[in-house]
Amino acid sequence: VQLQAFGGGLVQTGGSLRLSCTAAGRSFGDYGMAWFRQAPGKEREFVATINYSGGIRVHADSVKGRFTISRDNAKNVVYLQMNSLKPEDTAVYYCAAGTSSSFSRAMSMYNDWGQGTLVTVSS
């Protein structure tokens, strides 16, 4: 699967951004998707995941209530709506395509990764 993430940028604390990730190469509705992020000097961490149909979503505790993952299988796109952004949300955000129709917090369950899009939240 070829993934391309975009939508990052510079935003002030409390602001919003919507990240998008387009997919090509496999039937988009066959697999789960996820967003991960990596802040400077830190390990990559799980942000949110969604199953193949969009019926099941899981968010990391650190973003719960502020971020929402969704998908549009007709358009082959997965989104990450980010509201009430904080400086600690600053990171490169990566989308990933899963190996199955399910969802997972584990990076090992994702074979294909996008190039990342940088989100910077200023205080």
C-alpha atoms as a PDB file:
ATOM      1  CA  VAL A   1       0.000   0.000   0.000  1.00  0.00           C
ATOM      2  CA  GLN A   2       1.282   3.461  -0.881  1.00  0.00           C
ATOM      3  CA  LEU A   3       0.332   6.004   1.752  1.00  0.00           C
ATOM      4  CA  GLN A   4       0.636   9.769   1.612  1.00  0.00           C
ATOM      5  CA  ALA A   5      -0.024  11.907   4.655  1.00  0.00           C
ATOM      6  CA  PHE A   6      -0.619  15.629   4.561  1.00  0.00           C
ATOM      7  CA  GLY A   7      -2.276  18.431   6.468  1.00  0.00           C
ATOM      8  CA  GLY A   8       0.375  19.208   9.064  1.00  0.00           C
ATOM      9  CA  GLY A   9       1.535  22.692   9.861  1.00  0.00           C
ATOM     10  CA  LEU A  10       2.088  25.310  12.538  1.00  0.00           C
ATOM     11  CA  VAL A  11      -0.791  26.067  14.879  1.00  0.00           C
ATOM     12  CA  GLN A  12      -1.195  27.865  18.194  1.00  0.00           C
ATOM     13  CA  THR A  13      -2.140  26.144  21.433  1.00  0.00           C
ATOM     14  CA  GLY A  14      -5.846  25.411  21.417  1.00  0.00           C
ATOM     15  CA  GLY A  15      -6.059  25.334  17.655  1.00  0.00           C
ATOM     16  CA  SER A  16      -7.157  22.586  15.284  1.00  0.00           C
ATOM     17  CA  LEU A  17      -5.774  20.689  12.323  1.00  0.00           C
ATOM     18  CA  ARG A  18      -7.064  17.840  10.212  1.00  0.00           C
ATOM     19  CA  LEU A  19      -4.583  15.352   8.868  1.00  0.00           C
ATOM     20  CA  SER A  20      -5.400  13.238   5.830  1.00  0.00           C
ATOM     21  CA  CYS A  21      -3.798  10.077   4.521  1.00  0.00           C
ATOM     22  CA  THR A  22      -4.558   8.736   1.075  1.00  0.00           C
ATOM     23  CA  ALA A  23      -3.985   5.086   0.202  1.00  0.00           C
ATOM     24  CA  ALA A  24      -3.419   3.231  -3.046  1.00  0.00           C
ATOM     25  CA  GLY A  25      -2.458  -0.277  -4.029  1.00  0.00           C
ATOM     26  CA  ARG A  26      -4.819  -2.476  -2.009  1.00  0.00           C
ATOM     27  CA  SER A  27      -8.550  -2.500  -1.504  1.00  0.00           C
ATOM     28  CA  PHE A  28      -8.824   0.222   1.120  1.00  0.00           C
ATOM     29  CA  GLY A  29     -11.800  -1.310   2.867  1.00  0.00           C
ATOM     30  CA  ASP A  30      -9.916  -4.527   3.625  1.00  0.00           C
ATOM     31  CA  TYR A  31      -7.587  -3.323   6.348  1.00  0.00           C
ATOM     32  CA  GLY A  32      -7.359  -1.304   9.515  1.00  0.00           C
ATOM     33  CA  MET A  33      -5.528   2.009   9.666  1.00  0.00           C
ATOM     34  CA  ALA A  34      -3.746   3.962  12.339  1.00  0.00           C
ATOM     35  CA  TRP A  35      -1.938   7.152  13.171  1.00  0.00           C
ATOM     36  CA  PHE A  36       1.295   7.236  15.133  1.00  0.00           C
ATOM     37  CA  ARG A  37       3.523  10.156  16.033  1.00  0.00           C
ATOM     38  CA  GLN A  38       7.138  10.771  16.881  1.00  0.00           C
ATOM     39  CA  ALA A  39       8.268  13.817  18.808  1.00  0.00           C
ATOM     40  CA  PRO A  40      11.882  15.042  18.633  1.00  0.00           C
ATOM     41  CA  GLY A  41      14.127  12.772  20.670  1.00  0.00           C
ATOM     42  CA  LYS A  42      11.326  10.368  21.536  1.00  0.00           C
ATOM     43  CA  GLU A  43      10.130   7.011  20.309  1.00  0.00           C
ATOM     44  CA  ARG A  44       7.235   6.662  17.922  1.00  0.00           C
ATOM     45  CA  GLU A  45       3.957   6.258  19.778  1.00  0.00           C
ATOM     46  CA  PHE A  46       0.414   5.173  19.043  1.00  0.00           C
ATOM     47  CA  VAL A  47      -2.205   7.886  18.534  1.00  0.00           C
ATOM     48  CA  ALA A  48      -5.348   6.264  17.106  1.00  0.00           C
ATOM     49  CA  THR A  49      -6.557   3.262  15.144  1.00  0.00           C
ATOM     50  CA  ILE A  50      -9.685   2.356  13.204  1.00  0.00           C
ATOM     51  CA  ASN A  51     -10.888  -0.957  11.860  1.00  0.00           C
ATOM     52  CA  TYR A  52     -11.682  -1.708   8.227  1.00  0.00           C
ATOM     53  CA  SER A  53     -15.264  -0.409   8.316  1.00  0.00           C
ATOM     54  CA  GLY A  54     -14.753   2.517  10.656  1.00  0.00           C
ATOM     55  CA  GLY A  55     -17.060   0.969  13.212  1.00  0.00           C
ATOM     56  CA  ILE A  56     -14.393   0.573  15.858  1.00  0.00           C
ATOM     57  CA  ARG A  57     -12.005   3.356  16.869  1.00  0.00           C
ATOM     58  CA  VAL A  58      -9.446   3.472  19.638  1.00  0.00           C
ATOM     59  CA  HIS A  59      -7.552   6.549  20.766  1.00  0.00           C
ATOM     60  CA  ALA A  60      -4.552   6.910  23.034  1.00  0.00           C
ATOM     61  CA  ASP A  61      -5.367   8.296  26.460  1.00  0.00           C
ATOM     62  CA  SER A  62      -3.215  11.348  25.758  1.00  0.00           C
ATOM     63  CA  VAL A  63      -5.468  12.439  22.872  1.00  0.00           C
ATOM     64  CA  LYS A  64      -8.835  11.022  23.904  1.00  0.00           C
ATOM     65  CA  GLY A  65     -11.560  13.647  23.708  1.00  0.00           C
ATOM     66  CA  ARG A  66      -9.411  15.921  21.533  1.00  0.00           C
ATOM     67  CA  PHE A  67      -8.503  13.815  18.489  1.00  0.00           C
ATOM     68  CA  THR A  68     -10.810  11.736  16.312  1.00  0.00           C
ATOM     69  CA  ILE A  69      -9.818   9.186  13.701  1.00  0.00           C
ATOM     70  CA  SER A  70     -12.197   8.486  10.827  1.00  0.00           C
ATOM     71  CA  ARG A  71     -12.122   7.031   7.350  1.00  0.00           C
ATOM     72  CA  ASP A  72     -13.914   7.343   4.039  1.00  0.00           C
ATOM     73  CA  ASN A  73     -13.591   4.054   2.188  1.00  0.00           C
ATOM     74  CA  ALA A  74     -15.158   5.506  -0.943  1.00  0.00           C
ATOM     75  CA  LYS A  75     -12.327   8.039  -1.152  1.00  0.00           C
ATOM     76  CA  ASN A  76      -9.519   5.815   0.201  1.00  0.00           C
ATOM     77  CA  VAL A  77      -8.718   8.322   2.911  1.00  0.00           C
ATOM     78  CA  VAL A  78      -8.204   8.187   6.661  1.00  0.00           C
ATOM     79  CA  TYR A  79      -8.390  11.361   8.713  1.00  0.00           C
ATOM     80  CA  LEU A  80      -7.178  12.568  12.077  1.00  0.00           C
ATOM     81  CA  GLN A  81      -9.121  15.547  13.365  1.00  0.00           C
ATOM     82  CA  MET A  82      -7.065  17.247  16.061  1.00  0.00           C
ATOM     83  CA  ASN A  83      -8.690  19.818  18.331  1.00  0.00           C
ATOM     84  CA  SER A  84      -7.499  21.644  21.451  1.00  0.00           C
ATOM     85  CA  LEU A  85      -3.901  21.120  20.402  1.00  0.00           C
ATOM     86  CA  LYS A  86      -1.145  21.389  22.993  1.00  0.00           C
ATOM     87  CA  PRO A  87       2.604  21.972  22.607  1.00  0.00           C
ATOM     88  CA  GLU A  88       3.189  18.351  23.621  1.00  0.00           C
ATOM     89  CA  ASP A  89       1.312  17.272  20.488  1.00  0.00           C
ATOM     90  CA  THR A  90       4.211  18.586  18.412  1.00  0.00           C
ATOM     91  CA  ALA A  91       5.530  15.657  16.379  1.00  0.00           C
ATOM     92  CA  VAL A  92       5.770  14.067  12.976  1.00  0.00           C
ATOM     93  CA  TYR A  93       2.532  12.182  12.412  1.00  0.00           C
ATOM     94  CA  TYR A  94       2.548   8.956  10.413  1.00  0.00           C
ATOM     95  CA  CYS A  95      -0.337   6.992   8.987  1.00  0.00           C
ATOM     96  CA  ALA A  96      -0.032   3.238   8.711  1.00  0.00           C
ATOM     97  CA  ALA A  97      -1.924   0.438   6.981  1.00  0.00           C
ATOM     98  CA  GLY A  98      -2.584  -2.740   8.929  1.00  0.00           C
ATOM     99  CA  THR A  99      -2.026  -6.358   8.021  1.00  0.00           C
ATOM    100  CA  SER A 100      -5.641  -7.284   8.710  1.00  0.00           C
ATOM    101  CA  SER A 101      -9.142  -5.878   8.802  1.00  0.00           C
ATOM    102  CA  SER A 102      -8.875  -5.309  12.526  1.00  0.00           C
ATOM    103  CA  PHE A 103      -7.208  -2.573  14.532  1.00  0.00           C
ATOM    104  CA  SER A 104      -4.191  -2.498  16.810  1.00  0.00           C
ATOM    105  CA  ARG A 105      -2.045  -0.197  18.954  1.00  0.00           C
ATOM    106  CA  ALA A 106       1.090  -2.151  18.053  1.00  0.00           C
ATOM    107  CA  MET A 107       3.429  -0.852  15.358  1.00  0.00           C
ATOM    108  CA  SER A 108       4.326  -4.429  14.484  1.00  0.00           C
ATOM    109  CA  MET A 109       0.811  -4.912  13.090  1.00  0.00           C
ATOM    110  CA  TYR A 110       1.379  -2.318  10.365  1.00  0.00           C
ATOM    111  CA  ASN A 111       3.310  -3.105   7.208  1.00  0.00           C
ATOM    112  CA  ASP A 112       3.022   0.098   5.270  1.00  0.00           C
ATOM    113  CA  TRP A 113       3.755   3.625   6.430  1.00  0.00           C
ATOM    114  CA  GLY A 114       3.314   7.083   5.004  1.00  0.00           C
ATOM    115  CA  GLN A 115       6.132   9.606   4.862  1.00  0.00           C
ATOM    116  CA  GLY A 116       4.926  11.627   7.849  1.00  0.00           C
ATOM    117  CA  THR A 117       3.617  15.145   8.204  1.00  0.00           C
ATOM    118  CA  LEU A 118       4.941  17.614  10.767  1.00  0.00           C
ATOM    119  CA  VAL A 119       2.621  19.200  13.299  1.00  0.00           C
ATOM    120  CA  THR A 120       4.038  22.043  15.376  1.00  0.00           C
ATOM    121  CA  VAL A 121       2.004  23.556  18.193  1.00  0.00           C
ATOM    122  CA  SER A 122       3.303  26.846  19.532  1.00  0.00           C
ATOM    123  CA  SER A 123       2.714  27.961  23.107  1.00  0.00           C
END
